[in-house]
Structures are given as structure tokens and as C-alpha cells.
Amino acid sequence: MEFVISGGKAAPSTDEITTPQAAKVRRIANFLPRPELLRDAVIEHNQDDNTTSIRFETAAGPIRILLPVAEGFEFHIIHDSDTGPRILGTFRGASLSVRAVAFRISEFLRTRGLK
């Protein structure tokens, strides 16, 4: 499922978002190695912040994997708690294949007991 956030409002995506980040996040989501991750993944296109992320609902609350805004930057794993967003971890992935990025996301969530 995909959502677009614009003007502070979230709405299901009815139009295909065609940015390079959107294409990459869809490919990453398709390679998530565990069925429960693929089933629970929600892609968010935040047009207000010009970001794209994959969100997972966990026992600890929502976790977002924020794609890098440009080459050479890092993926950020963010916990959206009641007190605000908190970065749980980062990893460089510009040179990694989408399959390797999906595996890293899966392992990060699994090893911390989040998914």
C-alpha cells in the first residue's frame, strides 16, 4: 500500500508516483525476504518533506526506513514515538543492490525484536 502526504494530510496514492526514489523503494519492498514484512510494508511519499520511506508497524510503534535524499547519503531507520521521531540506526546503501538493502532492513528489524 502507498500513501502520499501533502499539505499535512495523508491519502492513499491513486496516481503512480514516478520519481527515482519511488521506483527504488518499490523494488526494495518487493525483495523483503520475509512474508510478514512484505505484507505489513507501507510506502510513504511525503511531498511536504520531499522524502520517501517504507513504514512498518511494530510492537514498539511505527518504524520508518527513510531513503537517502541523494547519492552518498545514508538510509535512516526512524522510530516514530509519542515524543517524536528518533533515529535508531543508519547504514550506507548507495552502492548496494536493492536486494541487499531489503536484507539489511529485515535483519535490523529481526535482530532488535521489532519484526
PDB file of N, CA and C in Angstrom:
ATOM      1  N   MET A   1       0.841  -1.167   0.000  1.00  0.00           N
ATOM      2  CA  MET A   1       0.000   0.000   0.000  1.00  0.00           C
ATOM      3  C   MET A   1       0.892   1.238   0.000  1.00  0.00           C
ATOM      4  N   GLU A   2       0.456   2.266  -0.697  1.00  0.00           N
ATOM      5  CA  GLU A   2       1.228   3.510  -0.767  1.00  0.00           C
ATOM      6  C   GLU A   2       0.368   4.685  -0.322  1.00  0.00           C
ATOM      7  N   PHE A   3       1.007   5.604   0.392  1.00  0.00           N
ATOM      8  CA  PHE A   3       0.367   6.826   0.832  1.00  0.00           C
ATOM      9  C   PHE A   3       1.168   8.018   0.352  1.00  0.00           C
ATOM     10  N   VAL A   4       0.463   9.104   0.092  1.00  0.00           N
ATOM     11  CA  VAL A   4       1.099  10.370  -0.256  1.00  0.00           C
ATOM     12  C   VAL A   4       0.707  11.368   0.818  1.00  0.00           C
ATOM     13  N   ILE A   5       1.706  12.048   1.376  1.00  0.00           N
ATOM     14  CA  ILE A   5       1.459  13.090   2.363  1.00  0.00           C
ATOM     15  C   ILE A   5       1.712  14.423   1.680  1.00  0.00           C
ATOM     16  N   SER A   6       0.692  15.236   1.649  1.00  0.00           N
ATOM     17  CA  SER A   6       0.795  16.547   1.010  1.00  0.00           C
ATOM     18  C   SER A   6      -0.077  17.522   1.778  1.00  0.00           C
ATOM     19  N   GLY A   7       0.470  18.671   2.092  1.00  0.00           N
ATOM     20  CA  GLY A   7      -0.285  19.661   2.844  1.00  0.00           C
ATOM     21  C   GLY A   7      -0.634  19.183   4.240  1.00  0.00           C
ATOM     22  N   GLY A   8       0.185  18.299   4.794  1.00  0.00           N
ATOM     23  CA  GLY A   8      -0.053  17.783   6.133  1.00  0.00           C
ATOM     24  C   GLY A   8      -1.118  16.711   6.205  1.00  0.00           C
ATOM     25  N   LYS A   9      -1.661  16.295   5.064  1.00  0.00           N
ATOM     26  CA  LYS A   9      -2.707  15.274   5.050  1.00  0.00           C
ATOM     27  C   LYS A   9      -2.215  14.036   4.316  1.00  0.00           C
ATOM     28  N   ALA A  10      -2.516  12.871   4.876  1.00  0.00           N
ATOM     29  CA  ALA A  10      -2.143  11.600   4.247  1.00  0.00           C
ATOM     30  C   ALA A  10      -3.337  11.050   3.488  1.00  0.00           C
ATOM     31  N   ALA A  11      -3.079  10.578   2.282  1.00  0.00           N
ATOM     32  CA  ALA A  11      -4.139   9.992   1.461  1.00  0.00           C
ATOM     33  C   ALA A  11      -3.560   8.799   0.704  1.00  0.00           C
ATOM     34  N   PRO A  12      -4.384   7.769   0.486  1.00  0.00           N
ATOM     35  CA  PRO A  12      -3.897   6.652  -0.337  1.00  0.00           C
ATOM     36  C   PRO A  12      -3.513   7.159  -1.720  1.00  0.00           C
ATOM     37  N   SER A  13      -2.452   6.601  -2.243  1.00  0.00           N
ATOM     38  CA  SER A  13      -1.966   7.012  -3.557  1.00  0.00           C
ATOM     39  C   SER A  13      -2.844   6.420  -4.650  1.00  0.00           C
ATOM     40  N   THR A  14      -3.404   7.287  -5.477  1.00  0.00           N
ATOM     41  CA  THR A  14      -4.205   6.818  -6.597  1.00  0.00           C
ATOM     42  C   THR A  14      -3.444   6.954  -7.905  1.00  0.00           C
ATOM     43  N   ASP A  15      -2.515   7.880  -7.951  1.00  0.00           N
ATOM     44  CA  ASP A  15      -1.674   8.073  -9.132  1.00  0.00           C
ATOM     45  C   ASP A  15      -0.313   7.448  -8.885  1.00  0.00           C
ATOM     46  N   GLU A  16       0.275   6.943  -9.931  1.00  0.00           N
ATOM     47  CA  GLU A  16       1.611   6.357  -9.834  1.00  0.00           C
ATOM     48  C   GLU A  16       2.641   7.468  -9.632  1.00  0.00           C
ATOM     49  N   ILE A  17       3.379   7.408  -8.529  1.00  0.00           N
ATOM     50  CA  ILE A  17       4.473   8.342  -8.284  1.00  0.00           C
ATOM     51  C   ILE A  17       5.658   7.817  -9.105  1.00  0.00           C
ATOM     52  N   THR A  18       6.264   8.659  -9.907  1.00  0.00           N
ATOM     53  CA  THR A  18       7.281   8.189 -10.848  1.00  0.00           C
ATOM     54  C   THR A  18       8.686   8.706 -10.559  1.00  0.00           C
ATOM     55  N   THR A  19       8.939   9.157  -9.338  1.00  0.00           N
ATOM     56  CA  THR A  19      10.275   9.642  -9.016  1.00  0.00           C
ATOM     57  C   THR A  19      11.251   8.465  -8.914  1.00  0.00           C
ATOM     58  N   PRO A  20      12.559   8.718  -9.058  1.00  0.00           N
ATOM     59  CA  PRO A  20      13.540   7.631  -8.903  1.00  0.00           C
ATOM     60  C   PRO A  20      13.478   6.988  -7.516  1.00  0.00           C
ATOM     61  N   GLN A  21      13.225   7.794  -6.473  1.00  0.00           N
ATOM     62  CA  GLN A  21      13.106   7.242  -5.123  1.00  0.00           C
ATOM     63  C   GLN A  21      11.906   6.314  -5.016  1.00  0.00           C
ATOM     64  N   ALA A  22      10.795   6.676  -5.635  1.00  0.00           N
ATOM     65  CA  ALA A  22       9.604   5.834  -5.592  1.00  0.00           C
ATOM     66  C   ALA A  22       9.859   4.499  -6.267  1.00  0.00           C
ATOM     67  N   ALA A  23      10.537   4.520  -7.394  1.00  0.00           N
ATOM     68  CA  ALA A  23      10.853   3.275  -8.098  1.00  0.00           C
ATOM     69  C   ALA A  23      11.781   2.406  -7.255  1.00  0.00           C
ATOM     70  N   LYS A  24      12.762   3.032  -6.609  1.00  0.00           N
ATOM     71  CA  LYS A  24      13.712   2.268  -5.794  1.00  0.00           C
ATOM     72  C   LYS A  24      13.027   1.665  -4.570  1.00  0.00           C
ATOM     73  N   VAL A  25      12.167   2.426  -3.902  1.00  0.00           N
ATOM     74  CA  VAL A  25      11.512   1.912  -2.695  1.00  0.00           C
ATOM     75  C   VAL A  25      10.568   0.755  -3.038  1.00  0.00           C
ATOM     76  N   ARG A  26       9.952   0.796  -4.197  1.00  0.00           N
ATOM     77  CA  ARG A  26       9.099  -0.325  -4.625  1.00  0.00           C
ATOM     78  C   ARG A  26       9.940  -1.573  -4.879  1.00  0.00           C
ATOM     79  N   ARG A  27      11.095  -1.397  -5.501  1.00  0.00           N
ATOM     80  CA  ARG A  27      11.971  -2.549  -5.745  1.00  0.00           C
ATOM     81  C   ARG A  27      12.494  -3.123  -4.430  1.00  0.00           C
ATOM     82  N   ILE A  28      12.846  -2.267  -3.477  1.00  0.00           N
ATOM     83  CA  ILE A  28      13.296  -2.743  -2.166  1.00  0.00           C
ATOM     84  C   ILE A  28      12.180  -3.527  -1.491  1.00  0.00           C
ATOM     85  N   ALA A  29      10.973  -2.985  -1.488  1.00  0.00           N
ATOM     86  CA  ALA A  29       9.839  -3.660  -0.844  1.00  0.00           C
ATOM     87  C   ALA A  29       9.570  -5.022  -1.476  1.00  0.00           C
ATOM     88  N   ASN A  30       9.727  -5.141  -2.775  1.00  0.00           N
ATOM     89  CA  ASN A  30       9.498  -6.421  -3.448  1.00  0.00           C
ATOM     90  C   ASN A  30      10.516  -7.482  -3.058  1.00  0.00           C
ATOM     91  N   PHE A  31      11.686  -7.076  -2.581  1.00  0.00           N
ATOM     92  CA  PHE A  31      12.723  -8.030  -2.204  1.00  0.00           C
ATOM     93  C   PHE A  31      12.798  -8.281  -0.699  1.00  0.00           C
ATOM     94  N   LEU A  32      11.850  -7.746   0.084  1.00  0.00           N
ATOM     95  CA  LEU A  32      11.877  -8.027   1.521  1.00  0.00           C
ATOM     96  C   LEU A  32      11.792  -9.537   1.709  1.00  0.00           C
ATOM     97  N   PRO A  33      12.731 -10.133   2.461  1.00  0.00           N
ATOM     98  CA  PRO A  33      12.858 -11.585   2.476  1.00  0.00           C
ATOM     99  C   PRO A  33      11.832 -12.338   3.306  1.00  0.00           C
ATOM    100  N   ARG A  34      11.078 -11.656   4.144  1.00  0.00           N
ATOM    101  CA  ARG A  34      10.116 -12.370   4.979  1.00  0.00           C
ATOM    102  C   ARG A  34       8.701 -11.921   4.633  1.00  0.00           C
ATOM    103  N   PRO A  35       7.765 -12.865   4.497  1.00  0.00           N
ATOM    104  CA  PRO A  35       6.394 -12.521   4.069  1.00  0.00           C
ATOM    105  C   PRO A  35       5.706 -11.514   4.986  1.00  0.00           C
ATOM    106  N   GLU A  36       5.952 -11.588   6.299  1.00  0.00           N
ATOM    107  CA  GLU A  36       5.290 -10.651   7.208  1.00  0.00           C
ATOM    108  C   GLU A  36       5.777  -9.228   7.000  1.00  0.00           C
ATOM    109  N   LEU A  37       7.008  -9.064   6.557  1.00  0.00           N
ATOM    110  CA  LEU A  37       7.498  -7.722   6.258  1.00  0.00           C
ATOM    111  C   LEU A  37       6.843  -7.185   4.996  1.00  0.00           C
ATOM    112  N   LEU A  38       6.785  -8.002   3.985  1.00  0.00           N
ATOM    113  CA  LEU A  38       6.178  -7.583   2.722  1.00  0.00           C
ATOM    114  C   LEU A  38       4.706  -7.245   2.911  1.00  0.00           C
ATOM    115  N   ARG A  39       4.013  -8.057   3.689  1.00  0.00           N
ATOM    116  CA  ARG A  39       2.583  -7.850   3.928  1.00  0.00           C
ATOM    117  C   ARG A  39       2.327  -6.550   4.699  1.00  0.00           C
ATOM    118  N   ASP A  40       3.204  -6.237   5.658  1.00  0.00           N
ATOM    119  CA  ASP A  40       2.988  -5.079   6.529  1.00  0.00           C
ATOM    120  C   ASP A  40       3.655  -3.797   6.048  1.00  0.00           C
ATOM    121  N   ALA A  41       4.384  -3.847   4.954  1.00  0.00           N
ATOM    122  CA  ALA A  41       5.105  -2.666   4.475  1.00  0.00           C
ATOM    123  C   ALA A  41       4.141  -1.650   3.872  1.00  0.00           C
ATOM    124  N   VAL A  42       4.332  -0.402   4.259  1.00  0.00           N
ATOM    125  CA  VAL A  42       3.564   0.715   3.705  1.00  0.00           C
ATOM    126  C   VAL A  42       4.565   1.723   3.160  1.00  0.00           C
ATOM    127  N   ILE A  43       4.401   2.095   1.921  1.00  0.00           N
ATOM    128  CA  ILE A  43       5.307   3.068   1.298  1.00  0.00           C
ATOM    129  C   ILE A  43       4.694   4.458   1.456  1.00  0.00           C
ATOM    130  N   GLU A  44       5.497   5.385   1.976  1.00  0.00           N
ATOM    131  CA  GLU A  44       5.039   6.758   2.184  1.00  0.00           C
ATOM    132  C   GLU A  44       5.854   7.710   1.312  1.00  0.00           C
ATOM    133  N   HIS A  45       5.153   8.527   0.566  1.00  0.00           N
ATOM    134  CA  HIS A  45       5.773   9.596  -0.222  1.00  0.00           C
ATOM    135  C   HIS A  45       5.371  10.904   0.452  1.00  0.00           C
ATOM    136  N   ASN A  46       6.287  11.524   1.176  1.00  0.00           N
ATOM    137  CA  ASN A  46       5.993  12.763   1.879  1.00  0.00           C
ATOM    138  C   ASN A  46       6.414  13.928   0.990  1.00  0.00           C
ATOM    139  N   GLN A  47       5.451  14.503   0.291  1.00  0.00           N
ATOM    140  CA  GLN A  47       5.761  15.602  -0.621  1.00  0.00           C
ATOM    141  C   GLN A  47       6.078  16.887   0.126  1.00  0.00           C
ATOM    142  N   ASP A  48       5.619  17.011   1.381  1.00  0.00           N
ATOM    143  CA  ASP A  48       5.949  18.186   2.178  1.00  0.00           C
ATOM    144  C   ASP A  48       7.436  18.228   2.515  1.00  0.00           C
ATOM    145  N   ASP A  49       8.003  17.059   2.872  1.00  0.00           N
ATOM    146  CA  ASP A  49       9.423  16.970   3.232  1.00  0.00           C
ATOM    147  C   ASP A  49      10.292  16.491   2.087  1.00  0.00           C
ATOM    148  N   ASN A  50       9.681  16.135   0.960  1.00  0.00           N
ATOM    149  CA  ASN A  50      10.381  15.595  -0.209  1.00  0.00           C
ATOM    150  C   ASN A  50      11.174  14.332   0.155  1.00  0.00           C
ATOM    151  N   THR A  51      10.499  13.404   0.860  1.00  0.00           N
ATOM    152  CA  THR A  51      11.130  12.148   1.263  1.00  0.00           C
ATOM    153  C   THR A  51      10.250  10.971   0.870  1.00  0.00           C
ATOM    154  N   THR A  52      10.875   9.801   0.797  1.00  0.00           N
ATOM    155  CA  THR A  52      10.180   8.546   0.541  1.00  0.00           C
ATOM    156  C   THR A  52      10.670   7.545   1.563  1.00  0.00           C
ATOM    157  N   SER A  53       9.751   6.759   2.129  1.00  0.00           N
ATOM    158  CA  SER A  53      10.136   5.793   3.150  1.00  0.00           C
ATOM    159  C   SER A  53       9.234   4.565   3.101  1.00  0.00           C
ATOM    160  N   ILE A  54       9.702   3.512   3.783  1.00  0.00           N
ATOM    161  CA  ILE A  54       8.901   2.308   3.996  1.00  0.00           C
ATOM    162  C   ILE A  54       8.585   2.279   5.486  1.00  0.00           C
ATOM    163  N   ARG A  55       7.308   2.106   5.826  1.00  0.00           N
ATOM    164  CA  ARG A  55       6.889   2.095   7.231  1.00  0.00           C
ATOM    165  C   ARG A  55       6.407   0.703   7.614  1.00  0.00           C
ATOM    166  N   PHE A  56       6.776   0.281   8.831  1.00  0.00           N
ATOM    167  CA  PHE A  56       6.323  -0.983   9.391  1.00  0.00           C
ATOM    168  C   PHE A  56       5.709  -0.705  10.758  1.00  0.00           C
ATOM    169  N   GLU A  57       4.574  -1.301  11.049  1.00  0.00           N
ATOM    170  CA  GLU A  57       4.003  -1.238  12.390  1.00  0.00           C
ATOM    171  C   GLU A  57       4.654  -2.342  13.208  1.00  0.00           C
ATOM    172  N   THR A  58       5.202  -1.990  14.364  1.00  0.00           N
ATOM    173  CA  THR A  58       5.853  -2.961  15.235  1.00  0.00           C
ATOM    174  C   THR A  58       5.256  -2.847  16.628  1.00  0.00           C
ATOM    175  N   ALA A  59       5.643  -3.765  17.520  1.00  0.00           N
ATOM    176  CA  ALA A  59       5.181  -3.712  18.906  1.00  0.00           C
ATOM    177  C   ALA A  59       5.671  -2.437  19.593  1.00  0.00           C
ATOM    178  N   ALA A  60       6.799  -1.893  19.139  1.00  0.00           N
ATOM    179  CA  ALA A  60       7.366  -0.672  19.717  1.00  0.00           C
ATOM    180  C   ALA A  60       6.802   0.590  19.073  1.00  0.00           C
ATOM    181  N   GLY A  61       5.941   0.445  18.083  1.00  0.00           N
ATOM    182  CA  GLY A  61       5.391   1.590  17.369  1.00  0.00           C
ATOM    183  C   GLY A  61       5.880   1.594  15.930  1.00  0.00           C
ATOM    184  N   PRO A  62       5.483   2.612  15.180  1.00  0.00           N
ATOM    185  CA  PRO A  62       5.864   2.663  13.769  1.00  0.00           C
ATOM    186  C   PRO A  62       7.369   2.891  13.576  1.00  0.00           C
ATOM    187  N   ILE A  63       7.932   2.119  12.656  1.00  0.00           N
ATOM    188  CA  ILE A  63       9.344   2.260  12.264  1.00  0.00           C
ATOM    189  C   ILE A  63       9.358   2.615  10.787  1.00  0.00           C
ATOM    190  N   ARG A  64      10.112   3.667  10.431  1.00  0.00           N
ATOM    191  CA  ARG A  64      10.248   4.067   9.031  1.00  0.00           C
ATOM    192  C   ARG A  64      11.686   3.901   8.595  1.00  0.00           C
ATOM    193  N   ILE A  65      11.864   3.407   7.384  1.00  0.00           N
ATOM    194  CA  ILE A  65      13.182   3.362   6.761  1.00  0.00           C
ATOM    195  C   ILE A  65      13.169   4.456   5.704  1.00  0.00           C
ATOM    196  N   LEU A  66      13.871   5.529   5.978  1.00  0.00           N
ATOM    197  CA  LEU A  66      13.884   6.705   5.119  1.00  0.00           C
ATOM    198  C   LEU A  66      14.981   6.557   4.081  1.00  0.00           C
ATOM    199  N   LEU A  67      14.603   6.630   2.809  1.00  0.00           N
ATOM    200  CA  LEU A  67      15.585   6.514   1.736  1.00  0.00           C
ATOM    201  C   LEU A  67      16.468   7.744   1.694  1.00  0.00           C
ATOM    202  N   PRO A  68      17.715   7.573   1.250  1.00  0.00           N
ATOM    203  CA  PRO A  68      18.611   8.726   1.126  1.00  0.00           C
ATOM    204  C   PRO A  68      18.034   9.747   0.148  1.00  0.00           C
ATOM    205  N   VAL A  69      18.258  11.006   0.452  1.00  0.00           N
ATOM    206  CA  VAL A  69      17.749  12.059  -0.424  1.00  0.00           C
ATOM    207  C   VAL A  69      18.592  12.212  -1.681  1.00  0.00           C
ATOM    208  N   ALA A  70      19.835  11.738  -1.639  1.00  0.00           N
ATOM    209  CA  ALA A  70      20.734  11.815  -2.802  1.00  0.00           C
ATOM    210  C   ALA A  70      21.818  10.753  -2.656  1.00  0.00           C
ATOM    211  N   GLU A  71      22.541  10.504  -3.737  1.00  0.00           N
ATOM    212  CA  GLU A  71      23.642   9.541  -3.708  1.00  0.00           C
ATOM    213  C   GLU A  71      24.675   9.955  -2.662  1.00  0.00           C
ATOM    214  N   GLY A  72      25.228   8.994  -1.964  1.00  0.00           N
ATOM    215  CA  GLY A  72      26.247   9.273  -0.963  1.00  0.00           C
ATOM    216  C   GLY A  72      25.697   9.486   0.428  1.00  0.00           C
ATOM    217  N   PHE A  73      24.391   9.581   0.576  1.00  0.00           N
ATOM    218  CA  PHE A  73      23.781   9.754   1.890  1.00  0.00           C
ATOM    219  C   PHE A  73      23.373   8.394   2.435  1.00  0.00           C
ATOM    220  N   GLU A  74      22.843   8.370   3.646  1.00  0.00           N
ATOM    221  CA  GLU A  74      22.533   7.121   4.327  1.00  0.00           C
ATOM    222  C   GLU A  74      21.036   6.856   4.395  1.00  0.00           C
ATOM    223  N   PHE A  75      20.695   5.575   4.551  1.00  0.00           N
ATOM    224  CA  PHE A  75      19.342   5.186   4.911  1.00  0.00           C
ATOM    225  C   PHE A  75      19.205   5.437   6.410  1.00  0.00           C
ATOM    226  N   HIS A  76      18.089   5.994   6.840  1.00  0.00           N
ATOM    227  CA  HIS A  76      17.847   6.236   8.260  1.00  0.00           C
ATOM    228  C   HIS A  76      16.700   5.346   8.714  1.00  0.00           C
ATOM    229  N   ILE A  77      16.888   4.694   9.858  1.00  0.00           N
ATOM    230  CA  ILE A  77      15.826   3.885  10.456  1.00  0.00           C
ATOM    231  C   ILE A  77      15.300   4.696  11.623  1.00  0.00           C
ATOM    232  N   ILE A  78      14.030   5.104  11.517  1.00  0.00           N
ATOM    233  CA  ILE A  78      13.449   6.069  12.447  1.00  0.00           C
ATOM    234  C   ILE A  78      12.265   5.448  13.178  1.00  0.00           C
ATOM    235  N   HIS A  79      12.244   5.636  14.499  1.00  0.00           N
ATOM    236  CA  HIS A  79      11.113   5.204  15.325  1.00  0.00           C
ATOM    237  C   HIS A  79      10.234   6.424  15.575  1.00  0.00           C
ATOM    238  N   ASP A  80       8.982   6.360  15.154  1.00  0.00           N
ATOM    239  CA  ASP A  80       8.037   7.459  15.384  1.00  0.00           C
ATOM    240  C   ASP A  80       7.286   7.178  16.670  1.00  0.00           C
ATOM    241  N   SER A  81       7.745   7.764  17.779  1.00  0.00           N
ATOM    242  CA  SER A  81       7.127   7.531  19.083  1.00  0.00           C
ATOM    243  C   SER A  81       6.266   8.730  19.473  1.00  0.00           C
ATOM    244  N   ASP A  82       5.672   8.642  20.646  1.00  0.00           N
ATOM    245  CA  ASP A  82       4.832   9.738  21.142  1.00  0.00           C
ATOM    246  C   ASP A  82       5.638  10.999  21.403  1.00  0.00           C
ATOM    247  N   THR A  83       6.908  10.845  21.678  1.00  0.00           N
ATOM    248  CA  THR A  83       7.762  12.001  21.960  1.00  0.00           C
ATOM    249  C   THR A  83       8.429  12.567  20.712  1.00  0.00           C
ATOM    250  N   GLY A  84       8.146  11.970  19.577  1.00  0.00           N
ATOM    251  CA  GLY A  84       8.699  12.452  18.317  1.00  0.00           C
ATOM    252  C   GLY A  84       9.597  11.418  17.659  1.00  0.00           C
ATOM    253  N   PRO A  85      10.050  11.713  16.451  1.00  0.00           N
ATOM    254  CA  PRO A  85      10.900  10.755  15.733  1.00  0.00           C
ATOM    255  C   PRO A  85      12.284  10.634  16.366  1.00  0.00           C
ATOM    256  N   ARG A  86      12.809   9.399  16.365  1.00  0.00           N
ATOM    257  CA  ARG A  86      14.140   9.136  16.916  1.00  0.00           C
ATOM    258  C   ARG A  86      14.867   8.191  15.967  1.00  0.00           C
ATOM    259  N   ILE A  87      16.079   8.537  15.593  1.00  0.00           N
ATOM    260  CA  ILE A  87      16.871   7.698  14.687  1.00  0.00           C
ATOM    261  C   ILE A  87      17.425   6.511  15.483  1.00  0.00           C
ATOM    262  N   LEU A  88      17.069   5.297  15.043  1.00  0.00           N
ATOM    263  CA  LEU A  88      17.562   4.077  15.683  1.00  0.00           C
ATOM    264  C   LEU A  88      18.861   3.603  15.055  1.00  0.00           C
ATOM    265  N   GLY A  89      19.059   3.910  13.789  1.00  0.00           N
ATOM    266  CA  GLY A  89      20.262   3.466  13.109  1.00  0.00           C
ATOM    267  C   GLY A  89      20.332   4.017  11.703  1.00  0.00           C
ATOM    268  N   THR A  90      21.498   3.890  11.119  1.00  0.00           N
ATOM    269  CA  THR A  90      21.714   4.310   9.737  1.00  0.00           C
ATOM    270  C   THR A  90      22.625   3.298   9.067  1.00  0.00           C
ATOM    271  N   PHE A  91      22.545   3.248   7.759  1.00  0.00           N
ATOM    272  CA  PHE A  91      23.505   2.456   7.004  1.00  0.00           C
ATOM    273  C   PHE A  91      23.638   3.039   5.615  1.00  0.00           C
ATOM    274  N   ARG A  92      24.848   2.920   5.081  1.00  0.00           N
ATOM    275  CA  ARG A  92      25.106   3.378   3.719  1.00  0.00           C
ATOM    276  C   ARG A  92      24.647   2.294   2.762  1.00  0.00           C
ATOM    277  N   GLY A  93      23.945   2.692   1.729  1.00  0.00           N
ATOM    278  CA  GLY A  93      23.437   1.693   0.817  1.00  0.00           C
ATOM    279  C   GLY A  93      23.421   2.123  -0.626  1.00  0.00           C
ATOM    280  N   ALA A  94      24.069   3.238  -0.930  1.00  0.00           N
ATOM    281  CA  ALA A  94      24.042   3.743  -2.302  1.00  0.00           C
ATOM    282  C   ALA A  94      24.646   2.740  -3.281  1.00  0.00           C
ATOM    283  N   SER A  95      25.671   2.020  -2.847  1.00  0.00           N
ATOM    284  CA  SER A  95      26.325   1.085  -3.759  1.00  0.00           C
ATOM    285  C   SER A  95      25.744  -0.329  -3.655  1.00  0.00           C
ATOM    286  N   LEU A  96      24.799  -0.547  -2.737  1.00  0.00           N
ATOM    287  CA  LEU A  96      24.207  -1.871  -2.548  1.00  0.00           C
ATOM    288  C   LEU A  96      23.063  -2.100  -3.530  1.00  0.00           C
ATOM    289  N   SER A  97      22.843  -3.356  -3.863  1.00  0.00           N
ATOM    290  CA  SER A  97      21.683  -3.699  -4.689  1.00  0.00           C
ATOM    291  C   SER A  97      20.423  -3.563  -3.836  1.00  0.00           C
ATOM    292  N   VAL A  98      19.279  -3.459  -4.490  1.00  0.00           N
ATOM    293  CA  VAL A  98      18.025  -3.337  -3.742  1.00  0.00           C
ATOM    294  C   VAL A  98      17.777  -4.593  -2.903  1.00  0.00           C
ATOM    295  N   ARG A  99      18.209  -5.729  -3.375  1.00  0.00           N
ATOM    296  CA  ARG A  99      18.065  -6.979  -2.609  1.00  0.00           C
ATOM    297  C   ARG A  99      18.882  -6.915  -1.317  1.00  0.00           C
ATOM    298  N   ALA A 100      20.100  -6.379  -1.385  1.00  0.00           N
ATOM    299  CA  ALA A 100      20.948  -6.248  -0.198  1.00  0.00           C
ATOM    300  C   ALA A 100      20.361  -5.241   0.790  1.00  0.00           C
ATOM    301  N   VAL A 101      19.798  -4.152   0.294  1.00  0.00           N
ATOM    302  CA  VAL A 101      19.154  -3.165   1.163  1.00  0.00           C
ATOM    303  C   VAL A 101      17.961  -3.798   1.863  1.00  0.00           C
ATOM    304  N   ALA A 102      17.142  -4.540   1.139  1.00  0.00           N
ATOM    305  CA  ALA A 102      15.984  -5.212   1.732  1.00  0.00           C
ATOM    306  C   ALA A 102      16.429  -6.191   2.816  1.00  0.00           C
ATOM    307  N   PHE A 103      17.512  -6.923   2.572  1.00  0.00           N
ATOM    308  CA  PHE A 103      18.031  -7.865   3.566  1.00  0.00           C
ATOM    309  C   PHE A 103      18.503  -7.125   4.811  1.00  0.00           C
ATOM    310  N   ARG A 104      19.218  -6.015   4.633  1.00  0.00           N
ATOM    311  CA  ARG A 104      19.686  -5.237   5.790  1.00  0.00           C
ATOM    312  C   ARG A 104      18.524  -4.721   6.621  1.00  0.00           C
ATOM    313  N   ILE A 105      17.478  -4.251   5.970  1.00  0.00           N
ATOM    314  CA  ILE A 105      16.292  -3.776   6.682  1.00  0.00           C
ATOM    315  C   ILE A 105      15.690  -4.922   7.493  1.00  0.00           C
ATOM    316  N   SER A 106      15.519  -6.060   6.853  1.00  0.00           N
ATOM    317  CA  SER A 106      14.945  -7.234   7.514  1.00  0.00           C
ATOM    318  C   SER A 106      15.773  -7.647   8.728  1.00  0.00           C
ATOM    319  N   GLU A 107      17.080  -7.708   8.555  1.00  0.00           N
ATOM    320  CA  GLU A 107      17.957  -8.121   9.652  1.00  0.00           C
ATOM    321  C   GLU A 107      17.959  -7.107  10.790  1.00  0.00           C
ATOM    322  N   PHE A 108      17.911  -5.823  10.480  1.00  0.00           N
ATOM    323  CA  PHE A 108      17.862  -4.803  11.519  1.00  0.00           C
ATOM    324  C   PHE A 108      16.616  -4.992  12.370  1.00  0.00           C
ATOM    325  N   LEU A 109      15.467  -5.159  11.722  1.00  0.00           N
ATOM    326  CA  LEU A 109      14.219  -5.339  12.463  1.00  0.00           C
ATOM    327  C   LEU A 109      14.196  -6.658  13.237  1.00  0.00           C
ATOM    328  N   ARG A 110      14.718  -7.721  12.633  1.00  0.00           N
ATOM    329  CA  ARG A 110      14.709  -9.039  13.277  1.00  0.00           C
ATOM    330  C   ARG A 110      15.629  -9.086  14.491  1.00  0.00           C
ATOM    331  N   THR A 111      16.857  -8.582  14.371  1.00  0.00           N
ATOM    332  CA  THR A 111      17.822  -8.677  15.457  1.00  0.00           C
ATOM    333  C   THR A 111      17.453  -7.807  16.649  1.00  0.00           C
ATOM    334  N   ARG A 112      16.616  -6.843  16.453  1.00  0.00           N
ATOM    335  CA  ARG A 112      16.178  -5.987  17.560  1.00  0.00           C
ATOM    336  C   ARG A 112      14.809  -6.374  18.088  1.00  0.00           C
ATOM    337  N   GLY A 113      14.269  -7.477  17.561  1.00  0.00           N
ATOM    338  CA  GLY A 113      12.976  -7.969  18.025  1.00  0.00           C
ATOM    339  C   GLY A 113      11.801  -7.088  17.635  1.00  0.00           C
ATOM    340  N   LEU A 114      11.999  -6.266  16.607  1.00  0.00           N
ATOM    341  CA  LEU A 114      10.923  -5.364  16.193  1.00  0.00           C
ATOM    342  C   LEU A 114       9.948  -6.032  15.234  1.00  0.00           C
ATOM    343  N   LYS A 115      10.431  -6.980  14.421  1.00  0.00           N
ATOM    344  CA  LYS A 115       9.576  -7.697  13.459  1.00  0.00           C
ATOM    345  C   LYS A 115      10.069  -9.098  13.318  1.00  0.00           C
TER     346      LYS A 115
END
